Structure formats: C-alpha cells, structure tokens
C-alpha cells in the first residue's frame, strides 16, 4: 500500500515538473521566437537631488536624457519613462564643475532589454553659491528737457532693490538700470512708473518696476547791464546828479534774461521833506518778479538840489 502511494506521489511530482518545464519552454519560445526584437528611442526624466542649501546649478542642465533601447517588442511596450528616471545625487558636491557619466547600469531595465545609446552620455554641472544683495536703482534718462530748462533732483521709490542669484554674476553688478525714462521737452516735473531692466541669467530682482520723479526747473543765469541811466523820482527843484549811470548784475530765468529791459529800472527817490541841499541817496533797481540783484556799482549817488524850482515835474 505504501509503495503504491509513493508511486502515485512520484508520478504527480513528475507531472508538475513536466508541465512547468513545458510552460517555461513555451514562454521562452514566445519571448525569443514569437516576440521579435525591436528598438525604440525614449526620453526619460533627469532629477537632480541632494544639492546643499546655498548652492545652485548655474549652467544649462538637461531635464531628460535620450535612450536607445533594444529588446523584445512586448517588453519594450511595457517600459515607462517615469520609472526609468535618472536620479543624480548631488550630495557633497561643491562649487565649480561636477562631471557625471551616464551609464546603462543607472536605469532599471528588465532582462533581455539593453541600452545601445545614451545621449548625452555625460552631464557637466556648474555649481555656484546663491547670494542676495541690495543694489541701487539707476534711472536711465532719455531725451532733453525744453530749452532753458534743466533737471534738478531724481527720486526713486524704492531707491534700491534686492537681487538674488549666482555669486559670480552678482559680483559684476553695481546697480540695476531702468528702461528709458523720457523727459523730452519737459517744462515741469515728470512722474511715472518705469520698468527695471532684467539683468538676465538666473538673477532675480525683488520688483519689476519703480516710481520715478524727475524735477524740472528753469535754468537760472546771470547777466550784466552796464551804463544804465539813473532816474530821479519826486524832484521839485533843479538838481545835479553824480554819477548818472550805474552797472548792475542780475540773476534770473535764462529764458527771460535775454529780453529783460532795465532802461527805466535804476532810480533815486526824493521825498517831500527833502529841500535844497546835498544828499547821498541809494540807487534803487526795480526788477521784475523772479529776478535777483547781485551787484550794483555804484550803490549810491550824490544829489544836489537848488532853490530854483522845476517848471515841470520830472524834467531832466
């Protein structure tokens, strides 16, 4: 009885082994004979992990690598690019250039599938420190204000901005410039927002625009007037005046100085309580509003009045 049972068990085991062997042969034949070889090109992601805080990649670095893969068509159809993603471990990498060779062993592929080409086969990373600095804003003024006007002060809000990026690039910057700010033919203050010029690369600025105010004022100039006649106001008696002319220097808006007429501006004044006699009188210069007297020579004159009255007020 025991011998019979043993024979039955052996027969069953042999049958199972035979079936397993047969299935293995069929699968092998399917993969190797019934499933022809093929070749595909696939782009898989590249992930950069582990870079220390305070460092950044400053050169171009690919987001994907291209693989040329050979293997049974059925297995190739099952490949997922995300599952084949290349992870480059940047732990311990410092500033400067870091070279990474890309090899087939870095991609988890099933057996019977091989990589025949990798592009690029090497990734070179340029690493630099990340820094943040505060830089002044420089307003780029364009055009000319109106004739006889000038630019006074320049106010910016904010007057400076923070810039973050690679240290080597920030070391080259002294300021952040604006786009052109036109003051063409301006005769009064100009206020408006103006965009900042992007410094480019990996540099990031804290704001994109600033408020700019350029004050515009009339140009002030000086002019000398020589030998202006000195007039006498309020005279009731005959008089002599010495000297009879004065030189003056005036400051005022340049656009009005050329046409300024001071022919009647210099005078001395005789008051009602002044009778015949000698007087030292100040020379008065009557200037239009907006003009300033800088100098007069002489600043006083000698006046002598006689007992003889003038027949007509204002004579001589």
Foldseek 3Di string as FASTA:
>chain_A
DVVVVVVVVVVVVVVVVVVVVVVVVVVCCCFDPVFDKDKDKDKAAEAEDAADPQKDFQDDWDRTKIWIKMFGPVQVVPDDRDQQYAYDHCHPPDAAKDKDFADQVRGDGDPRMGTDDIVPRMTITGMAGKDKDKAFEDEAEDADAAPQKDWDDKDKVVRIWMKIDGPVLVVPDRHWYWDYDYNHNPQAKDKDKTFIDPPDGGMDIPDGIIIMIIGMHGHKDKDKDWFQAEFEEPAFFDKDKPPGGKIWMKIFGPVCVVVDDQNPFWYWYDDPPDDFAKDKTAIGGHDDPGMDTDDMPPRIIIMGGDPHTDPDPRDD
